[in-house]
């Protein structure tokens, strides 16, 4: 039976809560990783809060951009313990940290990560299942039969048709790069566009004020523990 609703985005490194809301709104989420890698973007980095302010945590992937996300190799494993120690040091006094400490420690230290796409996808799947209770099914864009040389919008449309879904959850940034005629073409294909709204998130117990919404999901998990799910808009509170 085909999914009713699909969402599709490139994988990101421990993304913010809005990314997980988009997953939770879909029956099927497709990691769109066989496309151009973008340097200094959310693909390999994110932000956490520390007592000294916002801090970037970045997975070392080299400077080359002529590669797909799924082809990006991680340069070394030194970052894994470094990131874990920074997370542990920054959140060990947070109310929910101990609830997810074993899970996060295993993700960071349980194996050596070589592929950026595999790292991102595994972290996201695991946090959905074991931390946020999100039941969405996952797929990878490489699972679909997409002819080479298609324009980006046509490639999207072909993939979405293959899923058989009726609704497509799409982020607001798409309005900046999808022309109106392309949006009409998507809708004319029988897909209903469901636009994400990232406004109006409730604040939660966050260390080190002022409050900041656009940080990694790790911040919400460590601060709220079992209650983290309540602060996703898609759960209804």
Protein backbone atom coordinates (compact mmCIF):
# COMPACT_ATOMS: atom_id res chain seq x y z
CA UNK A 1 0.00 0.00 0.00
CA UNK A 2 1.55 3.34 -1.02
CA UNK A 3 2.09 6.03 1.61
CA UNK A 4 -0.50 8.77 1.93
CA UNK A 5 2.07 11.50 2.61
CA UNK A 6 5.75 11.77 1.69
CA UNK A 7 8.51 14.21 2.64
CA UNK A 8 11.94 14.44 1.06
CA UNK A 9 15.07 16.36 2.15
CA UNK A 10 18.83 15.94 2.06
CA UNK A 11 20.19 14.33 5.22
CA UNK A 12 21.67 16.71 7.79
CA UNK A 13 23.89 16.33 10.83
CA UNK A 14 21.78 16.16 14.02
CA UNK A 15 19.27 18.64 12.51
CA UNK A 16 16.95 21.00 14.35
CA UNK A 17 13.46 20.10 15.60
CA UNK A 18 11.75 21.41 12.45
CA UNK A 19 13.42 18.66 10.42
CA UNK A 20 11.94 16.03 12.74
CA UNK A 21 8.52 17.70 12.53
CA UNK A 22 8.67 17.32 8.76
CA UNK A 23 9.50 13.64 9.17
CA UNK A 24 6.65 13.16 11.65
CA UNK A 25 4.15 14.72 9.24
CA UNK A 26 4.88 12.04 6.62
CA UNK A 27 4.20 8.32 6.29
CA UNK A 28 7.39 8.00 4.22
CA UNK A 29 10.49 10.16 4.45
CA UNK A 30 13.03 10.01 1.62
CA UNK A 31 16.63 11.01 2.24
CA UNK A 32 17.54 12.91 -0.92
CA UNK A 33 21.27 12.25 -0.79
CA UNK A 34 22.26 11.51 -4.38
CA UNK A 35 22.48 15.24 -5.13
CA UNK A 36 25.18 17.90 -4.92
CA UNK A 37 26.95 18.26 -1.57
CA UNK A 38 26.99 21.83 -0.29
CA UNK A 39 29.94 22.99 1.78
CA UNK A 40 29.47 24.93 5.05
CA UNK A 41 25.85 23.86 5.20
CA UNK A 42 23.64 21.75 7.47
CA UNK A 43 24.80 18.56 5.75
CA UNK A 44 27.85 18.23 8.01
CA UNK A 45 27.36 20.71 10.84
CA UNK A 46 24.91 22.10 13.37
CA UNK A 47 24.81 24.24 16.50
CA UNK A 48 24.44 23.50 20.18
CA UNK A 49 24.22 25.84 23.18
CA UNK A 50 27.11 26.12 25.59
CA UNK A 51 27.77 28.36 28.57
CA UNK A 52 29.90 30.44 26.19
CA UNK A 53 27.13 30.82 23.61
CA UNK A 54 26.19 29.02 20.43
CA UNK A 55 28.84 26.59 19.17
CA UNK A 56 29.17 24.91 15.79
CA UNK A 57 29.90 21.18 15.76
CA UNK A 58 31.25 20.17 12.36
CA UNK A 59 32.02 16.77 10.85
CA UNK A 60 35.31 17.04 8.87
CA UNK A 61 34.56 16.22 5.25
CA UNK A 62 37.21 18.14 3.30
CA UNK A 63 36.76 21.14 1.05
CA UNK A 64 35.74 19.48 -2.22
CA UNK A 65 32.22 20.23 -3.46
CA UNK A 66 32.25 18.27 -6.72
CA UNK A 67 30.56 15.23 -5.17
CA UNK A 68 27.18 13.98 -4.12
CA UNK A 69 26.17 13.86 -0.46
CA UNK A 70 26.08 10.06 -0.60
CA UNK A 71 29.70 10.03 -1.85
CA UNK A 72 31.16 12.28 0.86
CA UNK A 73 33.72 10.53 3.03
CA UNK A 74 34.57 11.66 6.56
CA UNK A 75 38.26 12.55 6.86
CA UNK A 76 38.99 10.99 10.27
CA UNK A 77 37.33 9.84 13.49
CA UNK A 78 38.87 12.33 15.95
CA UNK A 79 35.76 14.52 15.78
CA UNK A 80 33.53 11.82 17.28
CA UNK A 81 34.92 11.94 20.82
CA UNK A 82 35.44 15.69 20.56
CA UNK A 83 31.77 16.26 19.72
CA UNK A 84 30.58 13.86 22.40
CA UNK A 85 32.71 15.47 25.09
CA UNK A 86 31.47 18.94 24.13
CA UNK A 87 27.85 17.74 24.20
CA UNK A 88 28.36 15.98 27.53
CA UNK A 89 30.11 18.98 29.07
CA UNK A 90 27.47 21.43 27.80
CA UNK A 91 24.38 19.42 28.81
CA UNK A 92 25.33 17.24 31.77
CA UNK A 93 23.33 19.53 34.10
CA UNK A 94 20.30 19.63 31.80
CA UNK A 95 17.14 17.98 33.13
CA UNK A 96 16.84 15.33 30.41
CA UNK A 97 20.49 14.55 29.71
CA UNK A 98 20.75 11.29 31.65
CA UNK A 99 17.67 9.89 29.89
CA UNK A 100 19.40 9.98 26.51
CA UNK A 101 23.04 9.79 27.54
CA UNK A 102 23.48 6.04 26.75
CA UNK A 103 21.83 6.39 23.35
CA UNK A 104 23.89 9.41 22.34
CA UNK A 105 27.13 7.99 23.68
CA UNK A 106 26.61 4.82 21.65
CA UNK A 107 25.90 6.83 18.48
CA UNK A 108 29.06 8.88 18.90
CA UNK A 109 31.48 6.31 20.27
CA UNK A 110 30.04 2.92 19.34
CA UNK A 111 31.58 2.79 15.87
CA UNK A 112 33.80 4.74 13.51
CA UNK A 113 31.83 6.70 10.92
CA UNK A 114 33.19 6.85 7.38
CA UNK A 115 30.25 7.96 5.20
CA UNK A 116 28.55 11.30 5.93
CA UNK A 117 25.24 10.11 4.49
CA UNK A 118 25.27 6.93 6.57
CA UNK A 119 26.16 8.92 9.69
CA UNK A 120 23.35 11.42 9.18
CA UNK A 121 20.74 8.88 8.23
CA UNK A 122 21.56 6.55 11.11
CA UNK A 123 21.48 9.34 13.68
CA UNK A 124 18.16 10.65 12.35
CA UNK A 125 16.49 7.23 12.15
CA UNK A 126 17.69 6.31 15.63
CA UNK A 127 16.59 9.56 17.24
CA UNK A 128 13.18 9.27 15.56
CA UNK A 129 12.61 5.73 16.80
CA UNK A 130 14.30 5.68 20.18
CA UNK A 131 14.04 9.27 21.40
CA UNK A 132 10.98 10.85 19.78
CA UNK A 133 8.69 7.91 19.05
CA UNK A 134 8.27 8.87 15.38
CA UNK A 135 6.98 5.86 13.37
CA UNK A 136 7.62 7.22 9.85
CA UNK A 137 9.12 4.80 7.31
CA UNK A 138 12.40 5.78 5.62
CA UNK A 139 13.83 5.39 2.13
CA UNK A 140 16.79 6.74 0.15
CA UNK A 141 16.53 8.49 -3.22
CA UNK A 142 18.92 5.88 -4.60
CA UNK A 143 16.16 3.30 -4.06
CA UNK A 144 14.23 4.78 -7.00
CA UNK A 145 14.71 4.52 -10.76
CA UNK A 146 15.63 8.06 -11.80
CA UNK A 147 17.07 8.60 -15.31
CA UNK A 148 20.27 10.71 -15.39
CA UNK A 149 20.24 14.26 -16.71
CA UNK A 150 16.81 15.31 -15.45
CA UNK A 151 16.24 18.87 -14.22
CA UNK A 152 15.93 19.11 -10.46
CA UNK A 153 12.18 19.73 -10.48
CA UNK A 154 11.50 16.89 -12.94
CA UNK A 155 13.65 14.55 -10.88
CA UNK A 156 11.63 15.43 -7.79
CA UNK A 157 8.40 14.82 -9.64
CA UNK A 158 9.51 11.44 -11.00
CA UNK A 159 10.60 10.27 -7.56
CA UNK A 160 7.43 11.48 -5.89
CA UNK A 161 5.29 9.73 -8.49
CA UNK A 162 7.14 6.49 -7.82
CA UNK A 163 6.27 6.67 -4.11
CA UNK A 164 2.56 6.71 -4.98
CA UNK A 165 1.87 9.30 -2.29
CA UNK A 166 -0.98 11.81 -2.54
CA UNK A 167 0.55 14.54 -0.33
CA UNK A 168 4.03 16.07 -0.39
CA UNK A 169 5.29 17.88 2.72
CA UNK A 170 7.55 20.67 1.50
CA UNK A 171 9.64 23.25 3.37
CA UNK A 172 9.07 27.00 2.97
CA UNK A 173 12.53 27.49 1.43
CA UNK A 174 11.26 25.73 -1.71
CA UNK A 175 9.31 28.87 -2.57
CA UNK A 176 12.67 30.55 -3.26
CA UNK A 177 13.82 28.09 -5.92
CA UNK A 178 10.69 26.49 -7.34
CA UNK A 179 8.99 28.67 -9.95
CA UNK A 180 5.22 29.00 -9.81
CA UNK A 181 4.82 26.96 -12.99
CA UNK A 182 6.81 24.10 -11.44
CA UNK A 183 4.65 24.19 -8.31
CA UNK A 184 1.56 24.08 -10.50
CA UNK A 185 3.06 21.15 -12.41
CA UNK A 186 3.60 19.24 -9.17
CA UNK A 187 0.03 19.89 -8.09
CA UNK A 188 -1.31 19.03 -11.58
CA UNK A 189 0.37 15.63 -11.26
CA UNK A 190 -2.10 14.83 -8.49
CA UNK A 191 0.13 15.71 -5.54
CA UNK A 192 -1.21 17.97 -2.84
CA UNK A 193 1.49 20.30 -1.50
CA UNK A 194 1.57 20.56 2.30
CA UNK A 195 3.68 23.57 3.25
CA UNK A 196 5.67 23.41 6.47
CA UNK A 197 5.28 26.28 8.94
CA UNK A 198 8.23 26.74 11.26
CA UNK A 199 6.74 29.66 13.18
CA UNK A 200 5.23 29.52 16.65
CA UNK A 201 7.32 26.84 18.32
CA UNK A 202 6.91 26.82 22.12
CA UNK A 203 9.97 27.44 24.25
CA UNK A 204 11.25 24.71 26.54
CA UNK A 205 13.66 24.51 29.49
CA UNK A 206 16.89 25.57 27.83
CA UNK A 207 20.20 26.15 29.56
CA UNK A 208 22.19 29.32 28.94
CA UNK A 209 19.70 32.06 27.93
CA UNK A 210 18.61 33.79 25.77
CA UNK A 211 16.42 31.13 24.22
CA UNK A 212 17.35 29.95 20.73
CA UNK A 213 15.08 27.74 18.59
CA UNK A 214 17.44 27.02 15.68
CA UNK A 215 19.80 24.60 17.33
CA UNK A 216 20.30 20.84 16.98
CA UNK A 217 17.58 18.47 18.19
CA UNK A 218 20.16 17.40 20.77
CA UNK A 219 19.39 20.58 22.70
CA UNK A 220 15.69 19.72 23.02
CA UNK A 221 16.39 16.08 23.91
CA UNK A 222 18.95 16.90 26.58
CA UNK A 223 16.87 19.64 28.15
CA UNK A 224 13.46 17.95 28.13
CA UNK A 225 14.21 14.22 28.11
CA UNK A 226 11.02 12.14 27.87
CA UNK A 227 8.97 15.31 27.35
CA UNK A 228 10.89 16.39 24.22
CA UNK A 229 8.18 15.10 21.88
CA UNK A 230 5.66 17.55 23.37
CA UNK A 231 7.63 20.44 21.88
CA UNK A 232 7.25 19.30 18.28
CA UNK A 233 4.39 21.07 16.51
CA UNK A 234 3.37 17.92 14.63
CA UNK A 235 2.55 16.06 17.84
CA UNK A 236 -0.05 18.60 18.87
CA UNK A 237 1.76 19.34 22.12
